[in-house]
């Protein structure tokens, strides 16, 4: 319960983003190529292996776990996995990021299983644009999922919007108003240069400062020191106190100095930094030592000492990491 993980720079690591699948029912233009090849089943961690890793990391000092994908809600057995992880002694909160497509049927079971907060991707409120960005998503299905999630009893819901010039930058005010109407939060994210998605990232890159200026032209913004445990910087709307606006700026405002997290891919690679290739293969250790956690603990502690100081994303947002976002754990 009192365990603490630290990296070689003295940063406390208490947040694990854990991918439960590399698959998704969408093909978002900033996340995947149009035609994707997914991992064969034998390379994917089993539910039991995911549970074992969650237990191990909580025992080492992790207090927040976010389940990601791909789309985590298309993984069979996800609700039971959530229930088991949420019950771990010492875990402060289990949260999730979803594209919203399955929340119409799963929001209430997830709340009952112990998921505290839900982040939902929403990049457009125009059905044709939404389909173009997601390549096959149904906006009405996602909006229904958001409303169902709002009514299900999550402690907090936040929308995530990846802002791209020429695609959805002009919709920022409309998305803010939707969040206000729903009394939920929204974060605007700079596109991350992960994977070759078949176009130049620089053509559509939009810095957070531009997004903030657009919102400030319509709302009085109040800076906030609130922290949700992740990289977002928040502001409040003076006239709408129920809604927080977040900005996640990996390119223009590096937030690595306060990094408190690591990522686990569904094939068991512990990514020490989203923007670097440094990784530890825990799947091999899991299967080599099915009854002994000590080799895994030792390997994790050693790897953390080599966690990079920062990523090296450029303001132009050009690809520097071949790994796609769905492989990194969105």
C-alpha atoms as a PDB file:
ATOM      1  CA  UNK A   1       0.000   0.000   0.000  1.00  0.00           C
ATOM      2  CA  UNK A   2       2.948   2.345   0.659  1.00  0.00           C
ATOM      3  CA  UNK A   3       5.005   1.281  -2.353  1.00  0.00           C
ATOM      4  CA  UNK A   4       6.323   4.036  -4.627  1.00  0.00           C
ATOM      5  CA  UNK A   5       7.749   3.767  -8.153  1.00  0.00           C
ATOM      6  CA  UNK A   6      10.231   6.380  -9.339  1.00  0.00           C
ATOM      7  CA  UNK A   7      12.133   6.859 -12.562  1.00  0.00           C
ATOM      8  CA  UNK A   8      15.756   7.912 -12.897  1.00  0.00           C
ATOM      9  CA  UNK A   9      14.800  11.596 -12.694  1.00  0.00           C
ATOM     10  CA  UNK A  10      12.909  11.224  -9.424  1.00  0.00           C
ATOM     11  CA  UNK A  11       9.451  11.443 -10.989  1.00  0.00           C
ATOM     12  CA  UNK A  12       6.865   9.350  -9.141  1.00  0.00           C
ATOM     13  CA  UNK A  13       5.083   6.901 -11.450  1.00  0.00           C
ATOM     14  CA  UNK A  14       1.568   6.217 -10.151  1.00  0.00           C
ATOM     15  CA  UNK A  15      -0.481   6.074 -13.370  1.00  0.00           C
ATOM     16  CA  UNK A  16      -0.686   3.112 -15.776  1.00  0.00           C
ATOM     17  CA  UNK A  17      -2.426   3.312 -19.131  1.00  0.00           C
ATOM     18  CA  UNK A  18      -3.205  -0.292 -20.029  1.00  0.00           C
ATOM     19  CA  UNK A  19      -4.375  -1.322 -23.493  1.00  0.00           C
ATOM     20  CA  UNK A  20      -6.740  -4.276 -23.616  1.00  0.00           C
ATOM     21  CA  UNK A  21      -6.905  -4.546 -27.428  1.00  0.00           C
ATOM     22  CA  UNK A  22      -5.280  -3.094 -30.529  1.00  0.00           C
ATOM     23  CA  UNK A  23      -8.550  -3.523 -32.438  1.00  0.00           C
ATOM     24  CA  UNK A  24     -11.228  -0.895 -32.953  1.00  0.00           C
ATOM     25  CA  UNK A  25     -14.553  -0.589 -34.718  1.00  0.00           C
ATOM     26  CA  UNK A  26     -13.440   2.836 -36.052  1.00  0.00           C
ATOM     27  CA  UNK A  27     -10.451   3.724 -38.252  1.00  0.00           C
ATOM     28  CA  UNK A  28      -9.808   7.330 -37.181  1.00  0.00           C
ATOM     29  CA  UNK A  29      -7.548   9.223 -39.563  1.00  0.00           C
ATOM     30  CA  UNK A  30      -5.172  10.382 -36.801  1.00  0.00           C
ATOM     31  CA  UNK A  31      -4.899   6.942 -35.206  1.00  0.00           C
ATOM     32  CA  UNK A  32      -4.739   4.326 -37.963  1.00  0.00           C
ATOM     33  CA  UNK A  33      -4.066   3.782 -41.615  1.00  0.00           C
ATOM     34  CA  UNK A  34      -7.099   2.923 -43.747  1.00  0.00           C
ATOM     35  CA  UNK A  35      -6.087  -0.733 -43.975  1.00  0.00           C
ATOM     36  CA  UNK A  36      -4.679  -2.112 -40.733  1.00  0.00           C
ATOM     37  CA  UNK A  37      -3.140  -5.442 -39.751  1.00  0.00           C
ATOM     38  CA  UNK A  38      -3.903  -6.383 -36.163  1.00  0.00           C
ATOM     39  CA  UNK A  39      -2.051  -8.674 -33.782  1.00  0.00           C
ATOM     40  CA  UNK A  40      -2.650 -12.437 -33.938  1.00  0.00           C
ATOM     41  CA  UNK A  41      -4.387 -13.825 -30.858  1.00  0.00           C
ATOM     42  CA  UNK A  42      -1.312 -15.576 -29.441  1.00  0.00           C
ATOM     43  CA  UNK A  43       0.543 -12.251 -29.212  1.00  0.00           C
ATOM     44  CA  UNK A  44      -2.253 -10.575 -27.232  1.00  0.00           C
ATOM     45  CA  UNK A  45      -2.254 -10.721 -23.441  1.00  0.00           C
ATOM     46  CA  UNK A  46      -5.037 -12.827 -21.971  1.00  0.00           C
ATOM     47  CA  UNK A  47      -7.503 -11.330 -19.512  1.00  0.00           C
ATOM     48  CA  UNK A  48      -5.729 -13.245 -16.761  1.00  0.00           C
ATOM     49  CA  UNK A  49      -2.372 -11.763 -17.798  1.00  0.00           C
ATOM     50  CA  UNK A  50      -3.857  -8.257 -17.880  1.00  0.00           C
ATOM     51  CA  UNK A  51      -5.270  -8.817 -14.391  1.00  0.00           C
ATOM     52  CA  UNK A  52      -1.934 -10.095 -13.134  1.00  0.00           C
ATOM     53  CA  UNK A  53      -0.111  -7.046 -14.469  1.00  0.00           C
ATOM     54  CA  UNK A  54      -2.670  -4.667 -12.984  1.00  0.00           C
ATOM     55  CA  UNK A  55      -2.277  -6.375  -9.610  1.00  0.00           C
ATOM     56  CA  UNK A  56       1.502  -6.216  -9.852  1.00  0.00           C
ATOM     57  CA  UNK A  57       1.588  -2.510 -10.752  1.00  0.00           C
ATOM     58  CA  UNK A  58      -0.858  -1.528  -8.018  1.00  0.00           C
ATOM     59  CA  UNK A  59       1.325  -3.424  -5.566  1.00  0.00           C
ATOM     60  CA  UNK A  60       4.302  -1.393  -6.789  1.00  0.00           C
ATOM     61  CA  UNK A  61       2.595   1.966  -6.296  1.00  0.00           C
ATOM     62  CA  UNK A  62       0.225   2.634  -9.203  1.00  0.00           C
ATOM     63  CA  UNK A  63      -2.907   4.387  -7.953  1.00  0.00           C
ATOM     64  CA  UNK A  64      -4.687   5.101 -11.233  1.00  0.00           C
ATOM     65  CA  UNK A  65      -5.253   2.734 -14.143  1.00  0.00           C
ATOM     66  CA  UNK A  66      -6.789   3.793 -17.440  1.00  0.00           C
ATOM     67  CA  UNK A  67      -7.998   1.037 -19.763  1.00  0.00           C
ATOM     68  CA  UNK A  68      -7.522   1.914 -23.422  1.00  0.00           C
ATOM     69  CA  UNK A  69      -7.286   0.331 -26.859  1.00  0.00           C
ATOM     70  CA  UNK A  70      -7.986   0.358 -29.785  1.00  0.00           C
ATOM     71  CA  UNK A  71     -11.504   0.374 -28.466  1.00  0.00           C
ATOM     72  CA  UNK A  72     -11.532  -1.357 -25.058  1.00  0.00           C
ATOM     73  CA  UNK A  73     -15.259  -2.066 -25.080  1.00  0.00           C
ATOM     74  CA  UNK A  74     -15.021  -4.478 -27.997  1.00  0.00           C
ATOM     75  CA  UNK A  75     -12.779  -6.817 -25.950  1.00  0.00           C
ATOM     76  CA  UNK A  76     -14.874  -9.791 -24.747  1.00  0.00           C
ATOM     77  CA  UNK A  77     -14.884 -10.008 -20.952  1.00  0.00           C
ATOM     78  CA  UNK A  78     -14.093  -6.315 -20.453  1.00  0.00           C
ATOM     79  CA  UNK A  79     -16.713  -5.719 -17.743  1.00  0.00           C
ATOM     80  CA  UNK A  80     -15.436  -8.601 -15.603  1.00  0.00           C
ATOM     81  CA  UNK A  81     -11.862  -7.374 -16.080  1.00  0.00           C
ATOM     82  CA  UNK A  82     -12.933  -3.915 -14.900  1.00  0.00           C
ATOM     83  CA  UNK A  83     -14.644  -5.376 -11.847  1.00  0.00           C
ATOM     84  CA  UNK A  84     -11.554  -7.355 -10.879  1.00  0.00           C
ATOM     85  CA  UNK A  85      -9.145  -4.450 -11.351  1.00  0.00           C
ATOM     86  CA  UNK A  86     -11.390  -1.938  -9.574  1.00  0.00           C
ATOM     87  CA  UNK A  87     -11.403  -4.193  -6.504  1.00  0.00           C
ATOM     88  CA  UNK A  88      -7.605  -4.156  -6.110  1.00  0.00           C
ATOM     89  CA  UNK A  89      -6.584  -2.837  -2.663  1.00  0.00           C
ATOM     90  CA  UNK A  90      -4.635   0.401  -3.049  1.00  0.00           C
ATOM     91  CA  UNK A  91      -6.049   1.425  -6.428  1.00  0.00           C
ATOM     92  CA  UNK A  92      -7.526   4.926  -6.155  1.00  0.00           C
ATOM     93  CA  UNK A  93      -9.467   4.865  -9.414  1.00  0.00           C
ATOM     94  CA  UNK A  94     -10.099   2.841 -12.543  1.00  0.00           C
ATOM     95  CA  UNK A  95     -10.936   4.970 -15.573  1.00  0.00           C
ATOM     96  CA  UNK A  96     -11.385   4.317 -19.289  1.00  0.00           C
ATOM     97  CA  UNK A  97     -11.084   5.937 -22.711  1.00  0.00           C
ATOM     98  CA  UNK A  98     -13.646   4.869 -25.334  1.00  0.00           C
ATOM     99  CA  UNK A  99     -14.927   5.938 -28.739  1.00  0.00           C
ATOM    100  CA  UNK A 100     -18.449   5.754 -27.293  1.00  0.00           C
ATOM    101  CA  UNK A 101     -19.870   3.290 -29.794  1.00  0.00           C
ATOM    102  CA  UNK A 102     -20.625   0.595 -27.189  1.00  0.00           C
ATOM    103  CA  UNK A 103     -21.611   2.786 -24.248  1.00  0.00           C
ATOM    104  CA  UNK A 104     -25.312   2.558 -25.031  1.00  0.00           C
ATOM    105  CA  UNK A 105     -25.254  -1.024 -23.756  1.00  0.00           C
ATOM    106  CA  UNK A 106     -22.240  -1.015 -21.442  1.00  0.00           C
ATOM    107  CA  UNK A 107     -22.227   2.307 -19.554  1.00  0.00           C
ATOM    108  CA  UNK A 108     -24.300   1.081 -16.607  1.00  0.00           C
ATOM    109  CA  UNK A 109     -22.468  -2.282 -16.268  1.00  0.00           C
ATOM    110  CA  UNK A 110     -19.147  -0.379 -16.268  1.00  0.00           C
ATOM    111  CA  UNK A 111     -20.295   1.952 -13.491  1.00  0.00           C
ATOM    112  CA  UNK A 112     -21.504  -1.052 -11.499  1.00  0.00           C
ATOM    113  CA  UNK A 113     -18.121  -2.735 -12.085  1.00  0.00           C
ATOM    114  CA  UNK A 114     -16.280   0.214 -10.533  1.00  0.00           C
ATOM    115  CA  UNK A 115     -15.145   2.397 -13.451  1.00  0.00           C
ATOM    116  CA  UNK A 116     -15.069   5.911 -11.976  1.00  0.00           C
ATOM    117  CA  UNK A 117     -14.544   8.215 -14.957  1.00  0.00           C
ATOM    118  CA  UNK A 118     -15.010   7.917 -18.709  1.00  0.00           C
ATOM    119  CA  UNK A 119     -13.235   9.786 -21.518  1.00  0.00           C
ATOM    120  CA  UNK A 120     -15.124   9.650 -24.824  1.00  0.00           C
ATOM    121  CA  UNK A 121     -13.689  10.634 -28.196  1.00  0.00           C
ATOM    122  CA  UNK A 122     -15.809  13.113 -30.166  1.00  0.00           C
ATOM    123  CA  UNK A 123     -14.147  14.945 -33.054  1.00  0.00           C
ATOM    124  CA  UNK A 124     -17.183  16.341 -34.852  1.00  0.00           C
ATOM    125  CA  UNK A 125     -20.908  16.954 -34.422  1.00  0.00           C
ATOM    126  CA  UNK A 126     -21.507  16.815 -38.166  1.00  0.00           C
ATOM    127  CA  UNK A 127     -22.489  13.290 -39.231  1.00  0.00           C
ATOM    128  CA  UNK A 128     -20.669  13.418 -42.578  1.00  0.00           C
ATOM    129  CA  UNK A 129     -17.513  14.858 -41.055  1.00  0.00           C
ATOM    130  CA  UNK A 130     -17.667  12.373 -38.219  1.00  0.00           C
ATOM    131  CA  UNK A 131     -17.857   9.531 -40.737  1.00  0.00           C
ATOM    132  CA  UNK A 132     -14.949  11.001 -42.710  1.00  0.00           C
ATOM    133  CA  UNK A 133     -12.729  11.326 -39.608  1.00  0.00           C
ATOM    134  CA  UNK A 134     -13.609   7.901 -38.172  1.00  0.00           C
ATOM    135  CA  UNK A 135     -13.956   6.335 -41.635  1.00  0.00           C
ATOM    136  CA  UNK A 136     -16.916   4.194 -40.474  1.00  0.00           C
ATOM    137  CA  UNK A 137     -18.318   5.672 -37.260  1.00  0.00           C
ATOM    138  CA  UNK A 138     -21.996   6.466 -36.625  1.00  0.00           C
ATOM    139  CA  UNK A 139     -22.383   9.853 -34.893  1.00  0.00           C
ATOM    140  CA  UNK A 140     -25.897   9.119 -33.596  1.00  0.00           C
ATOM    141  CA  UNK A 141     -24.650   5.915 -31.963  1.00  0.00           C
ATOM    142  CA  UNK A 142     -21.865   7.799 -30.197  1.00  0.00           C
ATOM    143  CA  UNK A 143     -24.136  10.646 -29.061  1.00  0.00           C
ATOM    144  CA  UNK A 144     -26.525   8.065 -27.643  1.00  0.00           C
ATOM    145  CA  UNK A 145     -23.577   6.476 -25.860  1.00  0.00           C
ATOM    146  CA  UNK A 146     -22.578   9.828 -24.354  1.00  0.00           C
ATOM    147  CA  UNK A 147     -26.098  10.469 -23.087  1.00  0.00           C
ATOM    148  CA  UNK A 148     -26.318   6.964 -21.655  1.00  0.00           C
ATOM    149  CA  UNK A 149     -22.963   7.402 -19.938  1.00  0.00           C
ATOM    150  CA  UNK A 150     -24.064  10.751 -18.504  1.00  0.00           C
ATOM    151  CA  UNK A 151     -27.136   9.110 -16.989  1.00  0.00           C
ATOM    152  CA  UNK A 152     -25.294   5.991 -15.775  1.00  0.00           C
ATOM    153  CA  UNK A 153     -23.559   7.659 -12.841  1.00  0.00           C
ATOM    154  CA  UNK A 154     -19.870   8.027 -13.721  1.00  0.00           C
ATOM    155  CA  UNK A 155     -18.170  10.448 -11.337  1.00  0.00           C
ATOM    156  CA  UNK A 156     -17.036  12.499 -14.321  1.00  0.00           C
ATOM    157  CA  UNK A 157     -17.231  12.330 -18.112  1.00  0.00           C
ATOM    158  CA  UNK A 158     -14.837  14.109 -20.446  1.00  0.00           C
ATOM    159  CA  UNK A 159     -14.919  14.408 -24.210  1.00  0.00           C
ATOM    160  CA  UNK A 160     -11.652  14.196 -26.157  1.00  0.00           C
ATOM    161  CA  UNK A 161     -11.326  16.028 -29.466  1.00  0.00           C
ATOM    162  CA  UNK A 162      -8.243  15.800 -31.682  1.00  0.00           C
ATOM    163  CA  UNK A 163      -8.199  19.147 -33.486  1.00  0.00           C
ATOM    164  CA  UNK A 164      -7.124  19.230 -37.130  1.00  0.00           C
ATOM    165  CA  UNK A 165      -7.115  22.158 -39.518  1.00  0.00           C
ATOM    166  CA  UNK A 166      -9.196  21.514 -42.585  1.00  0.00           C
ATOM    167  CA  UNK A 167     -11.241  18.888 -40.774  1.00  0.00           C
ATOM    168  CA  UNK A 168     -12.757  20.114 -37.506  1.00  0.00           C
ATOM    169  CA  UNK A 169     -10.978  23.242 -36.199  1.00  0.00           C
ATOM    170  CA  UNK A 170     -14.006  25.382 -37.088  1.00  0.00           C
ATOM    171  CA  UNK A 171     -16.201  23.118 -34.929  1.00  0.00           C
ATOM    172  CA  UNK A 172     -14.382  23.911 -31.674  1.00  0.00           C
ATOM    173  CA  UNK A 173     -17.041  26.437 -30.516  1.00  0.00           C
ATOM    174  CA  UNK A 174     -19.870  24.016 -31.324  1.00  0.00           C
ATOM    175  CA  UNK A 175     -18.148  21.213 -29.425  1.00  0.00           C
ATOM    176  CA  UNK A 176     -17.623  23.492 -26.423  1.00  0.00           C
ATOM    177  CA  UNK A 177     -21.320  24.396 -26.469  1.00  0.00           C
ATOM    178  CA  UNK A 178     -22.260  20.713 -26.635  1.00  0.00           C
ATOM    179  CA  UNK A 179     -20.108  20.038 -23.558  1.00  0.00           C
ATOM    180  CA  UNK A 180     -21.761  22.973 -21.769  1.00  0.00           C
ATOM    181  CA  UNK A 181     -25.238  21.691 -22.652  1.00  0.00           C
ATOM    182  CA  UNK A 182     -24.342  18.198 -21.415  1.00  0.00           C
ATOM    183  CA  UNK A 183     -22.594  19.591 -18.305  1.00  0.00           C
ATOM    184  CA  UNK A 184     -19.485  17.561 -18.995  1.00  0.00           C
ATOM    185  CA  UNK A 185     -15.824  18.399 -19.630  1.00  0.00           C
ATOM    186  CA  UNK A 186     -13.962  18.514 -22.932  1.00  0.00           C
ATOM    187  CA  UNK A 187     -10.260  18.383 -23.820  1.00  0.00           C
ATOM    188  CA  UNK A 188      -8.753  19.496 -27.106  1.00  0.00           C
ATOM    189  CA  UNK A 189      -5.711  17.474 -28.164  1.00  0.00           C
ATOM    190  CA  UNK A 190      -2.924  18.247 -30.579  1.00  0.00           C
ATOM    191  CA  UNK A 191      -2.517  15.468 -33.134  1.00  0.00           C
ATOM    192  CA  UNK A 192       0.311  13.157 -32.110  1.00  0.00           C
ATOM    193  CA  UNK A 193       2.817  12.092 -34.809  1.00  0.00           C
ATOM    194  CA  UNK A 194       2.500   8.335 -34.311  1.00  0.00           C
ATOM    195  CA  UNK A 195       2.404   6.043 -37.326  1.00  0.00           C
ATOM    196  CA  UNK A 196       2.265   6.735 -41.060  1.00  0.00           C
ATOM    197  CA  UNK A 197      -1.416   7.459 -41.687  1.00  0.00           C
ATOM    198  CA  UNK A 198      -0.922   8.280 -45.361  1.00  0.00           C
ATOM    199  CA  UNK A 199      -0.710  12.100 -45.178  1.00  0.00           C
ATOM    200  CA  UNK A 200       1.495  14.857 -43.849  1.00  0.00           C
ATOM    201  CA  UNK A 201       0.632  15.614 -40.223  1.00  0.00           C
ATOM    202  CA  UNK A 202       1.904  19.162 -40.644  1.00  0.00           C
ATOM    203  CA  UNK A 203      -0.862  19.989 -43.120  1.00  0.00           C
ATOM    204  CA  UNK A 204      -3.545  19.667 -40.434  1.00  0.00           C
ATOM    205  CA  UNK A 205      -1.583  20.436 -37.266  1.00  0.00           C
ATOM    206  CA  UNK A 206      -3.347  22.847 -34.935  1.00  0.00           C
ATOM    207  CA  UNK A 207      -1.636  24.140 -31.792  1.00  0.00           C
ATOM    208  CA  UNK A 208      -3.514  24.374 -28.512  1.00  0.00           C
ATOM    209  CA  UNK A 209      -2.892  28.129 -28.343  1.00  0.00           C
ATOM    210  CA  UNK A 210      -4.969  28.557 -31.502  1.00  0.00           C
ATOM    211  CA  UNK A 211      -7.780  26.480 -30.054  1.00  0.00           C
ATOM    212  CA  UNK A 212      -7.706  28.422 -26.804  1.00  0.00           C
ATOM    213  CA  UNK A 213      -7.813  31.740 -28.662  1.00  0.00           C
ATOM    214  CA  UNK A 214     -10.864  30.614 -30.629  1.00  0.00           C
ATOM    215  CA  UNK A 215     -12.683  29.596 -27.432  1.00  0.00           C
ATOM    216  CA  UNK A 216     -11.619  32.818 -25.675  1.00  0.00           C
ATOM    217  CA  UNK A 217     -13.204  34.861 -28.458  1.00  0.00           C
ATOM    218  CA  UNK A 218     -16.571  33.539 -27.249  1.00  0.00           C
ATOM    219  CA  UNK A 219     -16.090  32.772 -23.534  1.00  0.00           C
ATOM    220  CA  UNK A 220     -14.230  34.332 -20.637  1.00  0.00           C
ATOM    221  CA  UNK A 221     -11.671  31.728 -19.554  1.00  0.00           C
ATOM    222  CA  UNK A 222     -10.360  31.355 -16.025  1.00  0.00           C
ATOM    223  CA  UNK A 223      -7.039  29.551 -15.594  1.00  0.00           C
ATOM    224  CA  UNK A 224      -7.204  26.630 -13.192  1.00  0.00           C
ATOM    225  CA  UNK A 225      -4.624  24.600 -11.314  1.00  0.00           C
ATOM    226  CA  UNK A 226      -6.905  21.543 -11.326  1.00  0.00           C
ATOM    227  CA  UNK A 227      -5.242  18.249 -12.171  1.00  0.00           C
ATOM    228  CA  UNK A 228      -7.002  15.082 -13.270  1.00  0.00           C
ATOM    229  CA  UNK A 229      -3.836  13.011 -12.971  1.00  0.00           C
ATOM    230  CA  UNK A 230      -2.954  13.258 -16.661  1.00  0.00           C
ATOM    231  CA  UNK A 231      -1.309  15.791 -19.003  1.00  0.00           C
ATOM    232  CA  UNK A 232      -4.263  18.158 -19.562  1.00  0.00           C
ATOM    233  CA  UNK A 233      -4.059  21.827 -18.526  1.00  0.00           C
ATOM    234  CA  UNK A 234      -7.505  23.108 -17.568  1.00  0.00           C
ATOM    235  CA  UNK A 235      -9.441  26.339 -17.715  1.00  0.00           C
ATOM    236  CA  UNK A 236     -12.919  27.105 -16.430  1.00  0.00           C
ATOM    237  CA  UNK A 237     -15.649  29.032 -18.239  1.00  0.00           C
ATOM    238  CA  UNK A 238     -16.761  31.989 -16.129  1.00  0.00           C
ATOM    239  CA  UNK A 239     -20.410  31.652 -17.153  1.00  0.00           C
ATOM    240  CA  UNK A 240     -20.524  27.837 -17.152  1.00  0.00           C
ATOM    241  CA  UNK A 241     -18.808  26.466 -14.022  1.00  0.00           C
ATOM    242  CA  UNK A 242     -19.946  22.866 -14.598  1.00  0.00           C
ATOM    243  CA  UNK A 243     -17.672  22.466 -17.626  1.00  0.00           C
ATOM    244  CA  UNK A 244     -13.878  22.342 -17.676  1.00  0.00           C
ATOM    245  CA  UNK A 245     -11.893  22.877 -20.872  1.00  0.00           C
ATOM    246  CA  UNK A 246      -8.634  20.952 -21.135  1.00  0.00           C
ATOM    247  CA  UNK A 247      -5.696  21.331 -23.505  1.00  0.00           C
ATOM    248  CA  UNK A 248      -3.308  18.456 -24.199  1.00  0.00           C
ATOM    249  CA  UNK A 249      -0.313  19.843 -26.066  1.00  0.00           C
ATOM    250  CA  UNK A 250       2.409  17.236 -26.679  1.00  0.00           C
ATOM    251  CA  UNK A 251       3.892  19.235 -29.567  1.00  0.00           C
ATOM    252  CA  UNK A 252       3.670  22.897 -28.559  1.00  0.00           C
ATOM    253  CA  UNK A 253       3.803  22.729 -24.750  1.00  0.00           C
ATOM    254  CA  UNK A 254       5.877  19.764 -23.638  1.00  0.00           C
ATOM    255  CA  UNK A 255       4.531  18.364 -20.345  1.00  0.00           C
ATOM    256  CA  UNK A 256       7.211  15.747 -19.710  1.00  0.00           C
ATOM    257  CA  UNK A 257       8.669  17.384 -16.615  1.00  0.00           C
ATOM    258  CA  UNK A 258       5.725  16.198 -14.546  1.00  0.00           C
ATOM    259  CA  UNK A 259       5.207  12.852 -16.302  1.00  0.00           C
ATOM    260  CA  UNK A 260       3.747  10.320 -13.868  1.00  0.00           C
ATOM    261  CA  UNK A 261       2.775   7.509 -16.233  1.00  0.00           C
ATOM    262  CA  UNK A 262       3.775   4.513 -18.292  1.00  0.00           C
ATOM    263  CA  UNK A 263       1.810   2.608 -20.934  1.00  0.00           C
ATOM    264  CA  UNK A 264       1.245  -1.095 -21.396  1.00  0.00           C
ATOM    265  CA  UNK A 265       0.409  -2.333 -24.882  1.00  0.00           C
ATOM    266  CA  UNK A 266      -1.877  -5.319 -25.312  1.00  0.00           C
ATOM    267  CA  UNK A 267       1.110  -7.399 -26.405  1.00  0.00           C
ATOM    268  CA  UNK A 268       2.783  -6.712 -23.074  1.00  0.00           C
ATOM    269  CA  UNK A 269       5.271  -4.000 -24.012  1.00  0.00           C
ATOM    270  CA  UNK A 270       5.804  -1.478 -21.241  1.00  0.00           C
ATOM    271  CA  UNK A 271       6.256   1.833 -23.067  1.00  0.00           C
ATOM    272  CA  UNK A 272       8.295   4.161 -20.906  1.00  0.00           C
ATOM    273  CA  UNK A 273       7.460   7.190 -23.084  1.00  0.00           C
ATOM    274  CA  UNK A 274       4.759   7.698 -25.703  1.00  0.00           C
ATOM    275  CA  UNK A 275       7.166   9.541 -27.968  1.00  0.00           C
ATOM    276  CA  UNK A 276      10.151   7.195 -27.670  1.00  0.00           C
ATOM    277  CA  UNK A 277      10.752   3.572 -28.631  1.00  0.00           C
ATOM    278  CA  UNK A 278      12.071   2.500 -25.220  1.00  0.00           C
ATOM    279  CA  UNK A 279      10.060  -0.526 -24.073  1.00  0.00           C
ATOM    280  CA  UNK A 280      10.233  -3.577 -21.833  1.00  0.00           C
ATOM    281  CA  UNK A 281       8.804  -6.913 -22.996  1.00  0.00           C
ATOM    282  CA  UNK A 282       6.720  -8.084 -20.057  1.00  0.00           C
ATOM    283  CA  UNK A 283       4.774 -10.691 -22.021  1.00  0.00           C
ATOM    284  CA  UNK A 284       7.850 -12.873 -22.248  1.00  0.00           C
ATOM    285  CA  UNK A 285       8.484 -12.527 -18.517  1.00  0.00           C
ATOM    286  CA  UNK A 286       4.831 -13.209 -17.686  1.00  0.00           C
ATOM    287  CA  UNK A 287       4.909 -16.477 -19.583  1.00  0.00           C
ATOM    288  CA  UNK A 288       8.387 -17.478 -18.444  1.00  0.00           C
ATOM    289  CA  UNK A 289       7.552 -16.915 -14.771  1.00  0.00           C
ATOM    290  CA  UNK A 290       3.854 -17.775 -14.391  1.00  0.00           C
ATOM    291  CA  UNK A 291       4.073 -18.152 -10.596  1.00  0.00           C
ATOM    292  CA  UNK A 292       6.803 -15.693  -9.636  1.00  0.00           C
ATOM    293  CA  UNK A 293       6.362 -11.900  -9.823  1.00  0.00           C
ATOM    294  CA  UNK A 294       9.840 -10.984  -8.593  1.00  0.00           C
ATOM    295  CA  UNK A 295      11.569 -11.177 -11.999  1.00  0.00           C
ATOM    296  CA  UNK A 296       8.882  -8.858 -13.398  1.00  0.00           C
ATOM    297  CA  UNK A 297       9.182  -6.411 -10.510  1.00  0.00           C
ATOM    298  CA  UNK A 298      12.972  -6.313 -10.854  1.00  0.00           C
ATOM    299  CA  UNK A 299      12.731  -5.760 -14.622  1.00  0.00           C
ATOM    300  CA  UNK A 300      10.196  -2.941 -14.229  1.00  0.00           C
ATOM    301  CA  UNK A 301      12.259  -1.177 -11.593  1.00  0.00           C
ATOM    302  CA  UNK A 302      15.368  -1.430 -13.760  1.00  0.00           C
ATOM    303  CA  UNK A 303      13.502  -0.191 -16.853  1.00  0.00           C
ATOM    304  CA  UNK A 304      12.054   2.804 -15.005  1.00  0.00           C
ATOM    305  CA  UNK A 305      15.559   4.019 -14.220  1.00  0.00           C
ATOM    306  CA  UNK A 306      15.987   4.426 -17.981  1.00  0.00           C
ATOM    307  CA  UNK A 307      12.686   6.210 -18.635  1.00  0.00           C
ATOM    308  CA  UNK A 308      13.492   9.096 -21.034  1.00  0.00           C
ATOM    309  CA  UNK A 309      13.396  12.652 -19.746  1.00  0.00           C
ATOM    310  CA  UNK A 310      11.063  13.750 -22.524  1.00  0.00           C
ATOM    311  CA  UNK A 311       9.632  13.028 -25.936  1.00  0.00           C
ATOM    312  CA  UNK A 312      10.810  14.907 -29.022  1.00  0.00           C
ATOM    313  CA  UNK A 313       7.629  15.749 -30.902  1.00  0.00           C
ATOM    314  CA  UNK A 314       8.042  18.771 -33.172  1.00  0.00           C
ATOM    315  CA  UNK A 315       5.552  21.641 -33.550  1.00  0.00           C
ATOM    316  CA  UNK A 316       5.022  20.547 -37.157  1.00  0.00           C
ATOM    317  CA  UNK A 317       3.729  17.191 -35.922  1.00  0.00           C
ATOM    318  CA  UNK A 318       5.620  15.071 -38.464  1.00  0.00           C
ATOM    319  CA  UNK A 319       5.925  11.316 -37.888  1.00  0.00           C
ATOM    320  CA  UNK A 320       8.801  10.315 -35.653  1.00  0.00           C
ATOM    321  CA  UNK A 321       7.482   7.037 -34.237  1.00  0.00           C
ATOM    322  CA  UNK A 322       6.380   4.284 -36.630  1.00  0.00           C
ATOM    323  CA  UNK A 323       4.098   2.739 -33.992  1.00  0.00           C
ATOM    324  CA  UNK A 324       0.409   3.612 -34.533  1.00  0.00           C
ATOM    325  CA  UNK A 325      -1.655   5.173 -31.740  1.00  0.00           C
ATOM    326  CA  UNK A 326      -3.899   2.122 -31.469  1.00  0.00           C
ATOM    327  CA  UNK A 327      -0.766   0.061 -30.731  1.00  0.00           C
ATOM    328  CA  UNK A 328       0.393   2.548 -28.103  1.00  0.00           C
ATOM    329  CA  UNK A 329      -2.820   2.413 -26.117  1.00  0.00           C
ATOM    330  CA  UNK A 330      -4.913   5.462 -27.026  1.00  0.00           C
END
